[in-house]
Amino acid sequence: MNQTELILKYMEDHGGITPREALNHCGSMRLSARIHDLRAMGYDIKMELVTVKNRDGRKTRVSRYSLNG
């Protein structure tokens, strides 16, 4: 399975994906590029900004992608 397929499966199984999840679970450092690929393949993907804690424990906002519908 390539990174794009892994990201799609992760979104299906977990309801969405953040850049950290993409790196840790799919090995992708370029989530937005893989989302672009999925959209080009016809998948309807929405993006929302969510607040998470970074590795220092401070709050930061990141993109979270999920399948629409």
N, C-alpha and C. Protein backbone atom coordinates (compact mmCIF):
# COMPACT_ATOMS: atom_id res chain seq x y z
N MET A 1 0.84 -1.18 0.00
CA MET A 1 0.00 0.00 0.00
C MET A 1 0.88 1.25 0.00
N ASN A 2 0.56 2.21 -0.85
CA ASN A 2 1.35 3.44 -0.85
C ASN A 2 0.80 4.43 0.18
N GLN A 3 1.47 5.56 0.35
CA GLN A 3 1.07 6.54 1.37
C GLN A 3 -0.34 7.07 1.15
N THR A 4 -0.70 7.32 -0.09
CA THR A 4 -2.02 7.86 -0.38
C THR A 4 -3.10 6.86 0.05
N GLU A 5 -2.90 5.60 -0.25
CA GLU A 5 -3.85 4.56 0.15
C GLU A 5 -3.90 4.40 1.67
N LEU A 6 -2.74 4.49 2.32
CA LEU A 6 -2.69 4.40 3.78
C LEU A 6 -3.45 5.55 4.43
N ILE A 7 -3.30 6.75 3.89
CA ILE A 7 -3.99 7.93 4.43
C ILE A 7 -5.49 7.79 4.24
N LEU A 8 -5.92 7.34 3.08
CA LEU A 8 -7.34 7.13 2.82
C LEU A 8 -7.91 6.11 3.82
N LYS A 9 -7.24 5.00 4.00
CA LYS A 9 -7.70 3.97 4.93
C LYS A 9 -7.74 4.51 6.36
N TYR A 10 -6.73 5.29 6.74
CA TYR A 10 -6.70 5.86 8.09
C TYR A 10 -7.90 6.78 8.30
N MET A 11 -8.21 7.62 7.31
CA MET A 11 -9.36 8.51 7.42
C MET A 11 -10.65 7.71 7.53
N GLU A 12 -10.78 6.64 6.77
CA GLU A 12 -11.97 5.79 6.82
C GLU A 12 -12.10 5.12 8.19
N ASP A 13 -10.99 4.66 8.74
CA ASP A 13 -11.01 3.92 10.01
C ASP A 13 -11.13 4.82 11.23
N HIS A 14 -10.57 6.05 11.15
CA HIS A 14 -10.48 6.92 12.32
C HIS A 14 -11.27 8.22 12.19
N GLY A 15 -11.91 8.43 11.08
CA GLY A 15 -12.73 9.62 10.91
C GLY A 15 -11.99 10.87 10.45
N GLY A 16 -10.67 10.83 10.41
CA GLY A 16 -9.89 11.97 9.95
C GLY A 16 -8.42 11.75 10.24
N ILE A 17 -7.61 12.73 9.82
CA ILE A 17 -6.16 12.59 10.00
C ILE A 17 -5.51 13.97 10.11
N THR A 18 -4.52 14.08 10.98
CA THR A 18 -3.72 15.29 11.14
C THR A 18 -2.31 15.01 10.60
N PRO A 19 -1.51 16.05 10.41
CA PRO A 19 -0.14 15.81 9.93
C PRO A 19 0.67 14.87 10.82
N ARG A 20 0.53 14.99 12.13
CA ARG A 20 1.28 14.11 13.03
C ARG A 20 0.84 12.66 12.87
N GLU A 21 -0.47 12.44 12.76
CA GLU A 21 -0.97 11.08 12.55
C GLU A 21 -0.49 10.52 11.22
N ALA A 22 -0.45 11.38 10.19
CA ALA A 22 0.03 10.93 8.89
C ALA A 22 1.49 10.50 8.97
N LEU A 23 2.28 11.24 9.71
CA LEU A 23 3.70 10.89 9.86
C LEU A 23 3.85 9.61 10.68
N ASN A 24 3.19 9.56 11.83
CA ASN A 24 3.35 8.42 12.74
C ASN A 24 2.76 7.12 12.21
N HIS A 25 1.63 7.19 11.52
CA HIS A 25 0.93 5.97 11.12
C HIS A 25 1.05 5.62 9.65
N CYS A 26 1.40 6.62 8.81
CA CYS A 26 1.45 6.38 7.37
C CYS A 26 2.81 6.70 6.76
N GLY A 27 3.71 7.28 7.55
CA GLY A 27 5.04 7.61 7.05
C GLY A 27 5.08 8.79 6.10
N SER A 28 4.04 9.62 6.12
CA SER A 28 3.96 10.74 5.18
C SER A 28 4.30 12.06 5.86
N MET A 29 5.28 12.75 5.32
CA MET A 29 5.64 14.08 5.82
C MET A 29 4.95 15.18 5.02
N ARG A 30 4.19 14.80 3.99
CA ARG A 30 3.53 15.78 3.13
C ARG A 30 2.05 15.44 2.99
N LEU A 31 1.34 15.54 4.09
CA LEU A 31 -0.08 15.18 4.09
C LEU A 31 -0.87 16.00 3.09
N SER A 32 -0.63 17.29 3.02
CA SER A 32 -1.42 18.12 2.10
C SER A 32 -1.23 17.69 0.64
N ALA A 33 -0.06 17.21 0.29
CA ALA A 33 0.19 16.73 -1.08
C ALA A 33 -0.60 15.44 -1.34
N ARG A 34 -0.67 14.57 -0.34
CA ARG A 34 -1.43 13.33 -0.51
C ARG A 34 -2.94 13.63 -0.55
N ILE A 35 -3.39 14.63 0.21
CA ILE A 35 -4.79 15.04 0.16
C ILE A 35 -5.10 15.60 -1.22
N HIS A 36 -4.18 16.36 -1.78
CA HIS A 36 -4.35 16.87 -3.14
C HIS A 36 -4.51 15.71 -4.12
N ASP A 37 -3.70 14.67 -3.97
CA ASP A 37 -3.79 13.49 -4.83
C ASP A 37 -5.16 12.82 -4.69
N LEU A 38 -5.63 12.68 -3.47
CA LEU A 38 -6.93 12.04 -3.24
C LEU A 38 -8.07 12.87 -3.84
N ARG A 39 -7.98 14.18 -3.70
CA ARG A 39 -9.00 15.04 -4.30
C ARG A 39 -8.98 14.92 -5.82
N ALA A 40 -7.80 14.83 -6.39
CA ALA A 40 -7.68 14.66 -7.85
C ALA A 40 -8.27 13.33 -8.31
N MET A 41 -8.30 12.35 -7.41
CA MET A 41 -8.88 11.05 -7.72
C MET A 41 -10.40 11.06 -7.53
N GLY A 42 -10.94 12.19 -7.06
CA GLY A 42 -12.39 12.32 -6.93
C GLY A 42 -12.93 12.23 -5.52
N TYR A 43 -12.09 12.07 -4.52
CA TYR A 43 -12.57 12.00 -3.14
C TYR A 43 -12.92 13.40 -2.64
N ASP A 44 -14.05 13.50 -1.95
CA ASP A 44 -14.51 14.76 -1.37
C ASP A 44 -13.97 14.82 0.05
N ILE A 45 -12.98 15.67 0.26
CA ILE A 45 -12.29 15.74 1.54
C ILE A 45 -12.43 17.15 2.10
N LYS A 46 -12.84 17.23 3.37
CA LYS A 46 -12.95 18.53 4.01
C LYS A 46 -11.77 18.74 4.94
N MET A 47 -11.49 20.01 5.23
CA MET A 47 -10.40 20.38 6.12
C MET A 47 -10.96 21.28 7.20
N GLU A 48 -10.55 21.03 8.43
CA GLU A 48 -10.90 21.91 9.53
C GLU A 48 -9.66 22.17 10.36
N LEU A 49 -9.61 23.31 11.00
CA LEU A 49 -8.51 23.61 11.89
C LEU A 49 -8.88 23.14 13.29
N VAL A 50 -7.99 22.38 13.91
CA VAL A 50 -8.21 21.87 15.26
C VAL A 50 -7.04 22.28 16.14
N THR A 51 -7.29 22.39 17.42
CA THR A 51 -6.25 22.75 18.38
C THR A 51 -5.72 21.47 19.02
N VAL A 52 -4.41 21.32 18.99
CA VAL A 52 -3.73 20.16 19.60
C VAL A 52 -2.55 20.67 20.41
N LYS A 53 -1.99 19.81 21.22
CA LYS A 53 -0.77 20.16 21.94
C LYS A 53 0.43 19.70 21.14
N ASN A 54 1.44 20.56 21.06
CA ASN A 54 2.66 20.17 20.36
C ASN A 54 3.56 19.39 21.32
N ARG A 55 4.74 19.02 20.88
CA ARG A 55 5.60 18.18 21.72
C ARG A 55 6.07 18.89 22.98
N ASP A 56 5.98 20.22 23.03
CA ASP A 56 6.33 20.98 24.23
C ASP A 56 5.15 21.19 25.15
N GLY A 57 3.98 20.67 24.75
CA GLY A 57 2.78 20.81 25.56
C GLY A 57 2.00 22.09 25.32
N ARG A 58 2.46 22.92 24.39
CA ARG A 58 1.74 24.16 24.08
C ARG A 58 0.67 23.88 23.03
N LYS A 59 -0.40 24.66 23.09
CA LYS A 59 -1.48 24.50 22.12
C LYS A 59 -1.10 25.13 20.79
N THR A 60 -1.47 24.44 19.72
CA THR A 60 -1.25 24.94 18.36
C THR A 60 -2.39 24.45 17.49
N ARG A 61 -2.59 25.12 16.37
CA ARG A 61 -3.66 24.72 15.45
C ARG A 61 -3.06 24.03 14.25
N VAL A 62 -3.71 22.93 13.86
CA VAL A 62 -3.27 22.16 12.70
C VAL A 62 -4.49 21.81 11.84
N SER A 63 -4.24 21.42 10.62
CA SER A 63 -5.31 20.98 9.73
C SER A 63 -5.65 19.53 10.05
N ARG A 64 -6.94 19.25 10.02
CA ARG A 64 -7.42 17.87 10.15
C ARG A 64 -8.31 17.60 8.94
N TYR A 65 -7.97 16.58 8.19
CA TYR A 65 -8.69 16.22 6.98
C TYR A 65 -9.59 15.03 7.24
N SER A 66 -10.78 15.05 6.62
CA SER A 66 -11.69 13.92 6.75
C SER A 66 -12.52 13.80 5.49
N LEU A 67 -13.03 12.60 5.28
CA LEU A 67 -13.89 12.37 4.12
C LEU A 67 -15.24 13.03 4.37
N ASN A 68 -15.74 13.72 3.39
CA ASN A 68 -17.01 14.42 3.50
C ASN A 68 -18.12 13.49 3.07
N GLY A 69 -18.96 13.10 4.00
CA GLY A 69 -20.11 12.26 3.66
C GLY A 69 -19.92 10.83 3.88
